């Protein structure tokens, strides 16, 4: 997390395929994608609440063209993923983001997270004239929290939407993290696996 560019894949899978989903993701999908030139790391998370099986994968990448490239397209179609997993996933949401600012990392180094806060900044907040000031105050608030080890502001490469991402040392949502929820569509995820 906190790489200069991140690509995200969020999705749900039915409980009847959840075990297979995790097995294939960890033993086939991730190793194959890590062979793609420019792929730095992949971290996987499961949403903590509600408890339905909703997952988020964060791919740290060297350049923003990797997810649209032929190596990535080939790698994501290897093994059982395209036939036994992809047809059974629902609600796929992808994002391609570039690092704008943050703390606990410089946009070039990976920071481990036992839990991850992933917050989409609400359009009404992003449209405000004091957005930059509000964003800086929000990052300062997160930085002051003892449970937050790093945080970053990313902007979507294609459409300019904004997200805040924070590495949490614990799953507890403290007041600083709760304040982020007031300006964003925030989710907390528990770490499953991370591979450099």
C-alpha atoms as a PDB file:
ATOM      1  CA  UNK A   1       0.000   0.000   0.000  1.00  0.00           C
ATOM      2  CA  UNK A   2       1.004   3.623  -0.470  1.00  0.00           C
ATOM      3  CA  UNK A   3       2.690   2.985  -3.777  1.00  0.00           C
ATOM      4  CA  UNK A   4       2.795   5.759  -6.347  1.00  0.00           C
ATOM      5  CA  UNK A   5       0.056   3.982  -8.313  1.00  0.00           C
ATOM      6  CA  UNK A   6      -2.488   1.457  -7.120  1.00  0.00           C
ATOM      7  CA  UNK A   7      -5.061  -0.567  -8.988  1.00  0.00           C
ATOM      8  CA  UNK A   8      -7.937  -1.946  -6.957  1.00  0.00           C
ATOM      9  CA  UNK A   9     -10.381  -4.784  -7.497  1.00  0.00           C
ATOM     10  CA  UNK A  10     -13.340  -5.074  -5.133  1.00  0.00           C
ATOM     11  CA  UNK A  11     -15.926  -7.829  -5.476  1.00  0.00           C
ATOM     12  CA  UNK A  12     -18.161 -10.268  -3.686  1.00  0.00           C
ATOM     13  CA  UNK A  13     -18.506 -14.005  -4.105  1.00  0.00           C
ATOM     14  CA  UNK A  14     -21.240 -16.367  -2.958  1.00  0.00           C
ATOM     15  CA  UNK A  15     -20.503 -18.276   0.266  1.00  0.00           C
ATOM     16  CA  UNK A  16     -20.617 -21.578  -1.624  1.00  0.00           C
ATOM     17  CA  UNK A  17     -17.504 -20.541  -3.619  1.00  0.00           C
ATOM     18  CA  UNK A  18     -15.697 -18.442  -1.025  1.00  0.00           C
ATOM     19  CA  UNK A  19     -13.174 -21.118  -0.011  1.00  0.00           C
ATOM     20  CA  UNK A  20     -12.307 -21.862  -3.646  1.00  0.00           C
ATOM     21  CA  UNK A  21     -12.154 -18.111  -4.385  1.00  0.00           C
ATOM     22  CA  UNK A  22      -9.513 -17.566  -1.694  1.00  0.00           C
ATOM     23  CA  UNK A  23      -7.552 -20.667  -2.657  1.00  0.00           C
ATOM     24  CA  UNK A  24      -7.406 -19.747  -6.356  1.00  0.00           C
ATOM     25  CA  UNK A  25      -6.701 -16.072  -5.624  1.00  0.00           C
ATOM     26  CA  UNK A  26      -3.766 -16.850  -3.322  1.00  0.00           C
ATOM     27  CA  UNK A  27      -2.221 -19.861  -5.084  1.00  0.00           C
ATOM     28  CA  UNK A  28      -2.848 -19.075  -8.774  1.00  0.00           C
ATOM     29  CA  UNK A  29      -4.111 -15.558  -9.468  1.00  0.00           C
ATOM     30  CA  UNK A  30      -1.720 -13.547  -7.281  1.00  0.00           C
ATOM     31  CA  UNK A  31       1.456 -15.478  -8.234  1.00  0.00           C
ATOM     32  CA  UNK A  32       0.633 -15.123 -11.934  1.00  0.00           C
ATOM     33  CA  UNK A  33      -0.108 -11.394 -11.652  1.00  0.00           C
ATOM     34  CA  UNK A  34       3.116 -10.818  -9.694  1.00  0.00           C
ATOM     35  CA  UNK A  35       5.004 -12.008 -12.792  1.00  0.00           C
ATOM     36  CA  UNK A  36       3.665  -9.031 -14.770  1.00  0.00           C
ATOM     37  CA  UNK A  37       6.485  -6.511 -15.352  1.00  0.00           C
ATOM     38  CA  UNK A  38       5.930  -3.474 -13.125  1.00  0.00           C
ATOM     39  CA  UNK A  39       3.722  -5.287 -10.585  1.00  0.00           C
ATOM     40  CA  UNK A  40       5.218  -4.465  -7.184  1.00  0.00           C
ATOM     41  CA  UNK A  41       2.889  -6.050  -4.634  1.00  0.00           C
ATOM     42  CA  UNK A  42      -0.629  -7.355  -4.137  1.00  0.00           C
ATOM     43  CA  UNK A  43      -2.456  -7.121  -0.823  1.00  0.00           C
ATOM     44  CA  UNK A  44      -5.821  -8.750  -0.198  1.00  0.00           C
ATOM     45  CA  UNK A  45      -8.462  -7.743   2.332  1.00  0.00           C
ATOM     46  CA  UNK A  46     -11.938  -8.849   3.434  1.00  0.00           C
ATOM     47  CA  UNK A  47     -14.505  -6.284   4.575  1.00  0.00           C
ATOM     48  CA  UNK A  48     -15.142  -6.510   8.306  1.00  0.00           C
ATOM     49  CA  UNK A  49     -18.745  -5.213   8.325  1.00  0.00           C
ATOM     50  CA  UNK A  50     -21.199  -6.241   7.199  1.00  0.00           C
ATOM     51  CA  UNK A  51     -19.897  -9.770   7.247  1.00  0.00           C
ATOM     52  CA  UNK A  52     -20.959 -10.800   3.739  1.00  0.00           C
ATOM     53  CA  UNK A  53     -17.955 -11.956   1.666  1.00  0.00           C
ATOM     54  CA  UNK A  54     -16.779  -8.695   0.083  1.00  0.00           C
ATOM     55  CA  UNK A  55     -13.122  -8.498  -0.878  1.00  0.00           C
ATOM     56  CA  UNK A  56     -10.648  -5.806  -1.892  1.00  0.00           C
ATOM     57  CA  UNK A  57      -7.311  -6.423  -3.620  1.00  0.00           C
ATOM     58  CA  UNK A  58      -4.804  -3.562  -3.822  1.00  0.00           C
ATOM     59  CA  UNK A  59      -2.210  -3.926  -6.565  1.00  0.00           C
ATOM     60  CA  UNK A  60       0.797  -1.657  -6.168  1.00  0.00           C
ATOM     61  CA  UNK A  61       2.067  -0.931  -9.682  1.00  0.00           C
ATOM     62  CA  UNK A  62       5.010   0.959 -11.150  1.00  0.00           C
ATOM     63  CA  UNK A  63       3.085   2.734 -13.948  1.00  0.00           C
ATOM     64  CA  UNK A  64      -0.603   3.365 -14.620  1.00  0.00           C
ATOM     65  CA  UNK A  65      -0.603   1.530 -17.967  1.00  0.00           C
ATOM     66  CA  UNK A  66      -0.052  -1.931 -16.441  1.00  0.00           C
ATOM     67  CA  UNK A  67      -3.723  -2.937 -15.851  1.00  0.00           C
ATOM     68  CA  UNK A  68      -4.583  -2.153 -19.484  1.00  0.00           C
ATOM     69  CA  UNK A  69      -1.548  -3.919 -20.914  1.00  0.00           C
ATOM     70  CA  UNK A  70      -1.272  -7.313 -22.614  1.00  0.00           C
ATOM     71  CA  UNK A  71       0.824  -8.897 -19.843  1.00  0.00           C
ATOM     72  CA  UNK A  72      -1.837  -8.105 -17.245  1.00  0.00           C
ATOM     73  CA  UNK A  73      -4.643  -9.341 -19.531  1.00  0.00           C
ATOM     74  CA  UNK A  74      -2.799 -12.614 -20.124  1.00  0.00           C
ATOM     75  CA  UNK A  75      -1.953 -13.141 -16.433  1.00  0.00           C
ATOM     76  CA  UNK A  76      -5.502 -12.617 -15.193  1.00  0.00           C
ATOM     77  CA  UNK A  77      -6.769 -15.368 -17.507  1.00  0.00           C
ATOM     78  CA  UNK A  78      -4.390 -18.121 -16.360  1.00  0.00           C
ATOM     79  CA  UNK A  79      -5.569 -21.093 -14.297  1.00  0.00           C
ATOM     80  CA  UNK A  80      -9.020 -21.577 -12.810  1.00  0.00           C
ATOM     81  CA  UNK A  81      -9.782 -17.869 -12.360  1.00  0.00           C
ATOM     82  CA  UNK A  82     -11.590 -17.233 -15.697  1.00  0.00           C
ATOM     83  CA  UNK A  83     -13.775 -20.360 -15.539  1.00  0.00           C
ATOM     84  CA  UNK A  84     -14.291 -21.267 -11.884  1.00  0.00           C
ATOM     85  CA  UNK A  85     -14.134 -17.864 -10.147  1.00  0.00           C
ATOM     86  CA  UNK A  86     -14.773 -14.836 -12.388  1.00  0.00           C
ATOM     87  CA  UNK A  87     -18.255 -15.973 -13.558  1.00  0.00           C
ATOM     88  CA  UNK A  88     -19.347 -16.251  -9.906  1.00  0.00           C
ATOM     89  CA  UNK A  89     -18.089 -12.873  -8.658  1.00  0.00           C
ATOM     90  CA  UNK A  90     -20.510  -9.968  -8.362  1.00  0.00           C
ATOM     91  CA  UNK A  91     -20.309  -6.217  -8.008  1.00  0.00           C
ATOM     92  CA  UNK A  92     -16.805  -5.862  -9.446  1.00  0.00           C
ATOM     93  CA  UNK A  93     -15.419  -2.363  -8.885  1.00  0.00           C
ATOM     94  CA  UNK A  94     -12.017  -1.469 -10.297  1.00  0.00           C
ATOM     95  CA  UNK A  95     -10.054   1.712  -9.759  1.00  0.00           C
ATOM     96  CA  UNK A  96      -6.728   3.066 -10.962  1.00  0.00           C
ATOM     97  CA  UNK A  97      -5.290   5.701  -8.646  1.00  0.00           C
ATOM     98  CA  UNK A  98      -2.225   7.935  -8.421  1.00  0.00           C
ATOM     99  CA  UNK A  99      -0.717   9.016  -5.099  1.00  0.00           C
ATOM    100  CA  UNK A 100      -1.221  12.695  -4.233  1.00  0.00           C
ATOM    101  CA  UNK A 101      -0.167  13.118  -0.609  1.00  0.00           C
ATOM    102  CA  UNK A 102       0.107  11.211   2.618  1.00  0.00           C
ATOM    103  CA  UNK A 103       2.051  10.269   5.723  1.00  0.00           C
ATOM    104  CA  UNK A 104       3.892   7.189   6.950  1.00  0.00           C
ATOM    105  CA  UNK A 105       5.059   6.527   3.400  1.00  0.00           C
ATOM    106  CA  UNK A 106       6.210   8.608   0.489  1.00  0.00           C
ATOM    107  CA  UNK A 107       4.198   7.188  -2.356  1.00  0.00           C
ATOM    108  CA  UNK A 108       7.126   4.960  -3.247  1.00  0.00           C
ATOM    109  CA  UNK A 109       7.289   2.532  -0.335  1.00  0.00           C
ATOM    110  CA  UNK A 110       5.022  -0.262   0.783  1.00  0.00           C
ATOM    111  CA  UNK A 111       3.419  -0.113   4.227  1.00  0.00           C
ATOM    112  CA  UNK A 112       1.875  -3.240   5.726  1.00  0.00           C
ATOM    113  CA  UNK A 113      -1.641  -3.011   7.135  1.00  0.00           C
ATOM    114  CA  UNK A 114      -3.357  -5.420   9.528  1.00  0.00           C
ATOM    115  CA  UNK A 115      -6.529  -3.547   8.624  1.00  0.00           C
ATOM    116  CA  UNK A 116      -7.196  -1.094   5.855  1.00  0.00           C
ATOM    117  CA  UNK A 117      -9.525   1.889   5.708  1.00  0.00           C
ATOM    118  CA  UNK A 118     -10.622   2.512   2.121  1.00  0.00           C
ATOM    119  CA  UNK A 119     -12.732   5.634   1.790  1.00  0.00           C
ATOM    120  CA  UNK A 120     -14.195   7.121  -1.361  1.00  0.00           C
ATOM    121  CA  UNK A 121     -14.513  10.884  -0.973  1.00  0.00           C
ATOM    122  CA  UNK A 122     -18.119  11.874  -1.519  1.00  0.00           C
ATOM    123  CA  UNK A 123     -18.638  13.981  -4.686  1.00  0.00           C
ATOM    124  CA  UNK A 124     -20.250  16.798  -2.680  1.00  0.00           C
ATOM    125  CA  UNK A 125     -17.108  17.056  -0.525  1.00  0.00           C
ATOM    126  CA  UNK A 126     -14.742  16.921  -3.518  1.00  0.00           C
ATOM    127  CA  UNK A 127     -16.696  19.740  -5.186  1.00  0.00           C
ATOM    128  CA  UNK A 128     -16.338  22.119  -2.240  1.00  0.00           C
ATOM    129  CA  UNK A 129     -14.047  25.104  -2.625  1.00  0.00           C
ATOM    130  CA  UNK A 130     -12.247  24.161   0.605  1.00  0.00           C
ATOM    131  CA  UNK A 131     -11.658  20.550  -0.512  1.00  0.00           C
ATOM    132  CA  UNK A 132      -7.847  20.725  -0.266  1.00  0.00           C
ATOM    133  CA  UNK A 133      -8.041  22.191   3.224  1.00  0.00           C
ATOM    134  CA  UNK A 134     -10.626  19.606   4.312  1.00  0.00           C
ATOM    135  CA  UNK A 135      -8.516  16.803   2.875  1.00  0.00           C
ATOM    136  CA  UNK A 136      -5.375  18.014   4.657  1.00  0.00           C
ATOM    137  CA  UNK A 137      -7.268  18.288   7.951  1.00  0.00           C
ATOM    138  CA  UNK A 138      -8.603  14.763   7.463  1.00  0.00           C
ATOM    139  CA  UNK A 139      -5.119  13.370   6.825  1.00  0.00           C
ATOM    140  CA  UNK A 140      -3.802  15.260   9.883  1.00  0.00           C
ATOM    141  CA  UNK A 141      -6.603  13.765  11.965  1.00  0.00           C
ATOM    142  CA  UNK A 142      -5.716  10.270  10.750  1.00  0.00           C
ATOM    143  CA  UNK A 143      -2.012  10.910  11.413  1.00  0.00           C
ATOM    144  CA  UNK A 144      -2.806  11.815  15.023  1.00  0.00           C
ATOM    145  CA  UNK A 145      -4.560   8.503  15.647  1.00  0.00           C
ATOM    146  CA  UNK A 146      -2.488   5.865  17.450  1.00  0.00           C
ATOM    147  CA  UNK A 147      -4.185   3.094  15.445  1.00  0.00           C
ATOM    148  CA  UNK A 148      -3.268   4.578  12.043  1.00  0.00           C
ATOM    149  CA  UNK A 149       0.258   3.776  10.828  1.00  0.00           C
ATOM    150  CA  UNK A 150       0.066   5.478   7.419  1.00  0.00           C
ATOM    151  CA  UNK A 151      -2.395   7.228   5.189  1.00  0.00           C
ATOM    152  CA  UNK A 152      -2.639   8.561   1.678  1.00  0.00           C
ATOM    153  CA  UNK A 153      -4.804  10.544  -0.688  1.00  0.00           C
ATOM    154  CA  UNK A 154      -5.163   9.073  -4.175  1.00  0.00           C
ATOM    155  CA  UNK A 155      -6.947  10.442  -7.220  1.00  0.00           C
ATOM    156  CA  UNK A 156      -8.468   8.215  -9.884  1.00  0.00           C
ATOM    157  CA  UNK A 157      -6.295   8.409 -12.999  1.00  0.00           C
ATOM    158  CA  UNK A 158      -9.268   8.390 -15.385  1.00  0.00           C
ATOM    159  CA  UNK A 159     -12.092  10.323 -13.745  1.00  0.00           C
ATOM    160  CA  UNK A 160     -10.474  12.342 -10.959  1.00  0.00           C
ATOM    161  CA  UNK A 161     -12.507  10.882  -8.082  1.00  0.00           C
ATOM    162  CA  UNK A 162     -10.654  10.819  -4.777  1.00  0.00           C
ATOM    163  CA  UNK A 163     -10.010   8.127  -2.179  1.00  0.00           C
ATOM    164  CA  UNK A 164      -8.327   8.073   1.202  1.00  0.00           C
ATOM    165  CA  UNK A 165      -6.484   4.921   2.220  1.00  0.00           C
ATOM    166  CA  UNK A 166      -5.123   4.311   5.711  1.00  0.00           C
ATOM    167  CA  UNK A 167      -3.228   1.382   7.229  1.00  0.00           C
ATOM    168  CA  UNK A 168      -4.681   0.520  10.620  1.00  0.00           C
ATOM    169  CA  UNK A 169      -2.784  -1.417  13.270  1.00  0.00           C
ATOM    170  CA  UNK A 170      -6.080  -2.656  14.676  1.00  0.00           C
ATOM    171  CA  UNK A 171      -9.600  -3.183  13.404  1.00  0.00           C
ATOM    172  CA  UNK A 172     -11.072  -0.814  15.980  1.00  0.00           C
ATOM    173  CA  UNK A 173     -12.526   2.320  14.454  1.00  0.00           C
ATOM    174  CA  UNK A 174     -11.379   5.192  16.653  1.00  0.00           C
ATOM    175  CA  UNK A 175     -12.693   8.807  16.538  1.00  0.00           C
ATOM    176  CA  UNK A 176     -10.189   9.899  13.867  1.00  0.00           C
ATOM    177  CA  UNK A 177     -11.270   7.084  11.576  1.00  0.00           C
ATOM    178  CA  UNK A 178     -14.939   7.814  12.320  1.00  0.00           C
ATOM    179  CA  UNK A 179     -14.403  11.424  11.188  1.00  0.00           C
ATOM    180  CA  UNK A 180     -13.188  10.147   7.818  1.00  0.00           C
ATOM    181  CA  UNK A 181     -16.465   8.296   7.457  1.00  0.00           C
ATOM    182  CA  UNK A 182     -18.285  11.631   7.676  1.00  0.00           C
ATOM    183  CA  UNK A 183     -16.666  12.890   4.454  1.00  0.00           C
ATOM    184  CA  UNK A 184     -16.367   9.588   2.639  1.00  0.00           C
ATOM    185  CA  UNK A 185     -17.982   6.287   1.803  1.00  0.00           C
ATOM    186  CA  UNK A 186     -15.657   4.380   4.143  1.00  0.00           C
ATOM    187  CA  UNK A 187     -15.053   0.653   4.574  1.00  0.00           C
ATOM    188  CA  UNK A 188     -12.704  -1.181   6.945  1.00  0.00           C
ATOM    189  CA  UNK A 189     -11.045  -4.369   5.688  1.00  0.00           C
ATOM    190  CA  UNK A 190      -9.044  -7.051   7.505  1.00  0.00           C
ATOM    191  CA  UNK A 191      -5.839  -8.235   5.844  1.00  0.00           C
ATOM    192  CA  UNK A 192      -5.837 -11.699   4.280  1.00  0.00           C
ATOM    193  CA  UNK A 193      -2.488 -11.826   2.498  1.00  0.00           C
ATOM    194  CA  UNK A 194       0.178  -9.569   1.106  1.00  0.00           C
ATOM    195  CA  UNK A 195       2.817 -10.570  -1.412  1.00  0.00           C
ATOM    196  CA  UNK A 196       5.718  -8.396  -2.537  1.00  0.00           C
END
